[in-house]
Each structure stands twice: as structure tokens, then as C-alpha cells.
């Protein structure tokens, strides 16, 4: 399996509860390296642009409002099969269906406030990483 990079976002519900370190420990324990990281507060317009792929979905407005409701930690994770590994560590979007020990099983409060975001494919990862980071900031 090839070394990949993927975008990870620790969402406002998790940063509000000071869970950044606990969540990152799960990624690192799974063999992923954090090669870029910053804490930011998205504007509604920035959240809207990032999630524009969901613009036609009924949850889009609520999602953008939530993502702009407080600070997030955006980061790039790197490792063997990083995209799939990150999604495995995150767990199912619905925390009630997430496997025990995953981020969402342990920390998510609802399907909407599910603590983390992760890229779902190599193409998406490249686009999402470029949205938040310049090449100079990727220092793995």
C-alpha cells in the first residue's frame, strides 16, 4: 500500500470540549503522522466553499453554520493507506453505528456534530489539502 496524505478536520464540537489531543493520539496510534496542522475559525463563506459539493443537500446550510460556529483544527495526515486508515479511525458518520474505539463512537454527540471530517478519496484529499495548506506548510 502506498504512502498517502489526507485532510483531517477536528470539528467545533470537539475543539469546544478540548478533545484535539485525544483525537490526534488515535490517529498517531494508528500509524498516521501529522505533517501539517493549524487551528482556524472558518467564516460561513469559507465553510460554504469547502462543502460546496453538498450545496444541493438539505443539510448544507446547517453544516456550514456548524462548521463556522467555533474553531476547527485542520491537518494533513500521512501514512500507508492514510485515506482508508483515517476513515477507519474516525468511524461511521452516525456515531451510534461507529465501531467501539473509533473517534466518533467515543466523542461524537450526534450525526451532525460528529467531531471529525476526513477525505474520502485521493482526488478529494488533494483538493481539500490545497484548500487549507500551501505546499510550504506540508513539512512531513
C-alpha atoms as a PDB file:
ATOM      1  CA  UNK A   1       0.000   0.000   0.000  1.00  0.00           C
ATOM      2  CA  UNK A   2       1.294   3.454  -0.894  1.00  0.00           C
ATOM      3  CA  UNK A   3       2.041   6.357   1.404  1.00  0.00           C
ATOM      4  CA  UNK A   4      -0.788   8.881   1.088  1.00  0.00           C
ATOM      5  CA  UNK A   5      -1.874  12.180   2.546  1.00  0.00           C
ATOM      6  CA  UNK A   6      -5.391  13.033   3.637  1.00  0.00           C
ATOM      7  CA  UNK A   7      -7.140  16.020   5.140  1.00  0.00           C
ATOM      8  CA  UNK A   8      -8.483  15.750   8.662  1.00  0.00           C
ATOM      9  CA  UNK A   9     -10.641  18.334  10.399  1.00  0.00           C
ATOM     10  CA  UNK A  10     -11.372  18.276  14.100  1.00  0.00           C
ATOM     11  CA  UNK A  11     -14.764  19.985  14.185  1.00  0.00           C
ATOM     12  CA  UNK A  12     -16.125  22.701  16.531  1.00  0.00           C
ATOM     13  CA  UNK A  13     -17.962  20.251  18.805  1.00  0.00           C
ATOM     14  CA  UNK A  14     -14.662  18.503  19.584  1.00  0.00           C
ATOM     15  CA  UNK A  15     -12.463  21.611  19.881  1.00  0.00           C
ATOM     16  CA  UNK A  16     -15.025  23.120  22.247  1.00  0.00           C
ATOM     17  CA  UNK A  17     -14.630  20.083  24.513  1.00  0.00           C
ATOM     18  CA  UNK A  18     -10.813  20.221  24.306  1.00  0.00           C
ATOM     19  CA  UNK A  19     -10.517  16.846  22.573  1.00  0.00           C
ATOM     20  CA  UNK A  20      -7.849  17.725  19.991  1.00  0.00           C
ATOM     21  CA  UNK A  21      -5.051  15.855  21.766  1.00  0.00           C
ATOM     22  CA  UNK A  22      -7.151  12.745  22.427  1.00  0.00           C
ATOM     23  CA  UNK A  23      -8.311  12.604  18.809  1.00  0.00           C
ATOM     24  CA  UNK A  24      -4.809  13.143  17.441  1.00  0.00           C
ATOM     25  CA  UNK A  25      -3.487  10.396  19.712  1.00  0.00           C
ATOM     26  CA  UNK A  26      -5.882   7.974  17.988  1.00  0.00           C
ATOM     27  CA  UNK A  27      -4.554   8.992  14.561  1.00  0.00           C
ATOM     28  CA  UNK A  28      -0.946   8.688  15.694  1.00  0.00           C
ATOM     29  CA  UNK A  29      -1.555   5.374  17.476  1.00  0.00           C
ATOM     30  CA  UNK A  30      -2.926   4.060  14.167  1.00  0.00           C
ATOM     31  CA  UNK A  31       0.357   4.909  12.444  1.00  0.00           C
ATOM     32  CA  UNK A  32      -0.622   8.233  10.857  1.00  0.00           C
ATOM     33  CA  UNK A  33       1.723  11.238  11.073  1.00  0.00           C
ATOM     34  CA  UNK A  34       0.523  14.828  11.321  1.00  0.00           C
ATOM     35  CA  UNK A  35       2.548  16.676   8.660  1.00  0.00           C
ATOM     36  CA  UNK A  36       0.639  19.993   8.792  1.00  0.00           C
ATOM     37  CA  UNK A  37      -1.747  21.456  11.328  1.00  0.00           C
ATOM     38  CA  UNK A  38      -3.425  24.735  12.240  1.00  0.00           C
ATOM     39  CA  UNK A  39      -6.317  25.977  14.323  1.00  0.00           C
ATOM     40  CA  UNK A  40      -8.638  28.324  12.435  1.00  0.00           C
ATOM     41  CA  UNK A  41     -12.125  29.771  12.683  1.00  0.00           C
ATOM     42  CA  UNK A  42     -13.942  29.418   9.375  1.00  0.00           C
ATOM     43  CA  UNK A  43     -16.347  32.081   8.191  1.00  0.00           C
ATOM     44  CA  UNK A  44     -19.701  30.858   6.886  1.00  0.00           C
ATOM     45  CA  UNK A  45     -18.491  31.686   3.344  1.00  0.00           C
ATOM     46  CA  UNK A  46     -15.296  29.645   3.787  1.00  0.00           C
ATOM     47  CA  UNK A  47     -17.264  26.685   5.167  1.00  0.00           C
ATOM     48  CA  UNK A  48     -19.721  27.030   2.285  1.00  0.00           C
ATOM     49  CA  UNK A  49     -16.949  26.961  -0.302  1.00  0.00           C
ATOM     50  CA  UNK A  50     -15.294  23.941   1.322  1.00  0.00           C
ATOM     51  CA  UNK A  51     -18.570  21.981   1.460  1.00  0.00           C
ATOM     52  CA  UNK A  52     -19.992  23.247  -1.864  1.00  0.00           C
ATOM     53  CA  UNK A  53     -20.162  19.656  -3.135  1.00  0.00           C
ATOM     54  CA  UNK A  54     -23.123  19.300  -0.717  1.00  0.00           C
ATOM     55  CA  UNK A  55     -24.819  22.585  -1.719  1.00  0.00           C
ATOM     56  CA  UNK A  56     -27.948  20.846  -3.044  1.00  0.00           C
ATOM     57  CA  UNK A  57     -28.394  18.654   0.012  1.00  0.00           C
ATOM     58  CA  UNK A  58     -30.872  19.624   2.729  1.00  0.00           C
ATOM     59  CA  UNK A  59     -28.223  19.664   5.483  1.00  0.00           C
ATOM     60  CA  UNK A  60     -25.844  22.063   3.670  1.00  0.00           C
ATOM     61  CA  UNK A  61     -26.890  25.272   5.445  1.00  0.00           C
ATOM     62  CA  UNK A  62     -26.836  23.650   8.865  1.00  0.00           C
ATOM     63  CA  UNK A  63     -23.442  22.059   8.144  1.00  0.00           C
ATOM     64  CA  UNK A  64     -21.896  25.384   7.088  1.00  0.00           C
ATOM     65  CA  UNK A  65     -23.351  27.162  10.120  1.00  0.00           C
ATOM     66  CA  UNK A  66     -21.989  24.462  12.428  1.00  0.00           C
ATOM     67  CA  UNK A  67     -18.517  24.482  10.867  1.00  0.00           C
ATOM     68  CA  UNK A  68     -18.353  28.273  11.335  1.00  0.00           C
ATOM     69  CA  UNK A  69     -19.642  28.107  14.925  1.00  0.00           C
ATOM     70  CA  UNK A  70     -16.217  27.759  16.542  1.00  0.00           C
ATOM     71  CA  UNK A  71     -12.573  26.926  15.939  1.00  0.00           C
ATOM     72  CA  UNK A  72     -11.565  23.835  13.982  1.00  0.00           C
ATOM     73  CA  UNK A  73      -8.208  22.113  13.647  1.00  0.00           C
ATOM     74  CA  UNK A  74      -7.313  21.407  10.030  1.00  0.00           C
ATOM     75  CA  UNK A  75      -4.468  18.993   9.489  1.00  0.00           C
ATOM     76  CA  UNK A  76      -2.811  16.726   6.979  1.00  0.00           C
ATOM     77  CA  UNK A  77      -2.256  13.116   7.970  1.00  0.00           C
ATOM     78  CA  UNK A  78       0.289  10.954   6.175  1.00  0.00           C
ATOM     79  CA  UNK A  79       0.906   7.226   6.162  1.00  0.00           C
ATOM     80  CA  UNK A  80       0.395   3.913   4.412  1.00  0.00           C
ATOM     81  CA  UNK A  81      -3.146   3.975   3.027  1.00  0.00           C
ATOM     82  CA  UNK A  82      -3.815   7.172   5.004  1.00  0.00           C
ATOM     83  CA  UNK A  83      -7.236   7.848   3.491  1.00  0.00           C
ATOM     84  CA  UNK A  84      -8.711   4.474   4.419  1.00  0.00           C
ATOM     85  CA  UNK A  85      -6.847   4.375   7.745  1.00  0.00           C
ATOM     86  CA  UNK A  86      -8.176   7.812   8.728  1.00  0.00           C
ATOM     87  CA  UNK A  87     -11.731   6.796   7.844  1.00  0.00           C
ATOM     88  CA  UNK A  88     -11.327   3.604   9.877  1.00  0.00           C
ATOM     89  CA  UNK A  89     -10.093   5.566  12.906  1.00  0.00           C
ATOM     90  CA  UNK A  90     -12.914   8.119  12.539  1.00  0.00           C
ATOM     91  CA  UNK A  91     -15.670   5.506  12.421  1.00  0.00           C
ATOM     92  CA  UNK A  92     -19.111   5.682  10.814  1.00  0.00           C
ATOM     93  CA  UNK A  93     -20.682   9.115  10.318  1.00  0.00           C
ATOM     94  CA  UNK A  94     -23.547   8.069  12.584  1.00  0.00           C
ATOM     95  CA  UNK A  95     -21.858   7.615  15.972  1.00  0.00           C
ATOM     96  CA  UNK A  96     -24.474   5.047  17.018  1.00  0.00           C
ATOM     97  CA  UNK A  97     -23.189   2.846  14.168  1.00  0.00           C
ATOM     98  CA  UNK A  98     -19.477   3.549  14.710  1.00  0.00           C
ATOM     99  CA  UNK A  99     -17.269   0.729  15.938  1.00  0.00           C
ATOM    100  CA  UNK A 100     -16.113   0.865  19.546  1.00  0.00           C
ATOM    101  CA  UNK A 101     -12.825   2.685  19.979  1.00  0.00           C
ATOM    102  CA  UNK A 102     -13.304   4.959  16.960  1.00  0.00           C
ATOM    103  CA  UNK A 103     -13.280   8.746  17.283  1.00  0.00           C
ATOM    104  CA  UNK A 104     -16.982   9.079  16.549  1.00  0.00           C
ATOM    105  CA  UNK A 105     -18.021   6.243  18.857  1.00  0.00           C
ATOM    106  CA  UNK A 106     -16.117   7.865  21.712  1.00  0.00           C
ATOM    107  CA  UNK A 107     -16.528  11.594  21.099  1.00  0.00           C
ATOM    108  CA  UNK A 108     -19.346  12.438  18.655  1.00  0.00           C
ATOM    109  CA  UNK A 109     -22.537  13.805  20.153  1.00  0.00           C
ATOM    110  CA  UNK A 110     -24.783  13.326  17.087  1.00  0.00           C
ATOM    111  CA  UNK A 111     -24.714  12.616  13.373  1.00  0.00           C
ATOM    112  CA  UNK A 112     -24.314  16.344  12.691  1.00  0.00           C
ATOM    113  CA  UNK A 113     -21.808  17.010  15.466  1.00  0.00           C
ATOM    114  CA  UNK A 114     -19.607  14.026  14.743  1.00  0.00           C
ATOM    115  CA  UNK A 115     -16.261  15.539  15.795  1.00  0.00           C
ATOM    116  CA  UNK A 116     -14.173  14.892  12.660  1.00  0.00           C
ATOM    117  CA  UNK A 117     -14.031  15.136   8.881  1.00  0.00           C
ATOM    118  CA  UNK A 118     -11.782  13.129   6.583  1.00  0.00           C
ATOM    119  CA  UNK A 119     -11.212  12.998   2.848  1.00  0.00           C
ATOM    120  CA  UNK A 120     -12.869  10.097   1.053  1.00  0.00           C
ATOM    121  CA  UNK A 121     -10.611   9.611  -1.989  1.00  0.00           C
ATOM    122  CA  UNK A 122      -7.176  10.620  -3.306  1.00  0.00           C
ATOM    123  CA  UNK A 123      -8.644  13.300  -5.591  1.00  0.00           C
ATOM    124  CA  UNK A 124     -10.750  14.746  -2.796  1.00  0.00           C
ATOM    125  CA  UNK A 125      -7.787  14.677  -0.421  1.00  0.00           C
ATOM    126  CA  UNK A 126      -5.636  16.657  -2.863  1.00  0.00           C
ATOM    127  CA  UNK A 127      -8.364  19.293  -3.335  1.00  0.00           C
ATOM    128  CA  UNK A 128      -9.152  19.548   0.370  1.00  0.00           C
ATOM    129  CA  UNK A 129      -5.497  19.788   1.421  1.00  0.00           C
ATOM    130  CA  UNK A 130      -4.915  22.544  -1.154  1.00  0.00           C
ATOM    131  CA  UNK A 131      -7.932  24.460   0.207  1.00  0.00           C
ATOM    132  CA  UNK A 132      -6.248  24.897   3.603  1.00  0.00           C
ATOM    133  CA  UNK A 133      -2.493  24.465   3.066  1.00  0.00           C
ATOM    134  CA  UNK A 134       0.233  25.675   0.728  1.00  0.00           C
ATOM    135  CA  UNK A 135       2.991  23.288  -0.254  1.00  0.00           C
ATOM    136  CA  UNK A 136       5.370  25.122   2.093  1.00  0.00           C
ATOM    137  CA  UNK A 137       3.211  24.163   5.071  1.00  0.00           C
ATOM    138  CA  UNK A 138       3.440  20.409   4.431  1.00  0.00           C
ATOM    139  CA  UNK A 139       6.517  19.541   6.441  1.00  0.00           C
ATOM    140  CA  UNK A 140       6.381  15.781   6.983  1.00  0.00           C
END
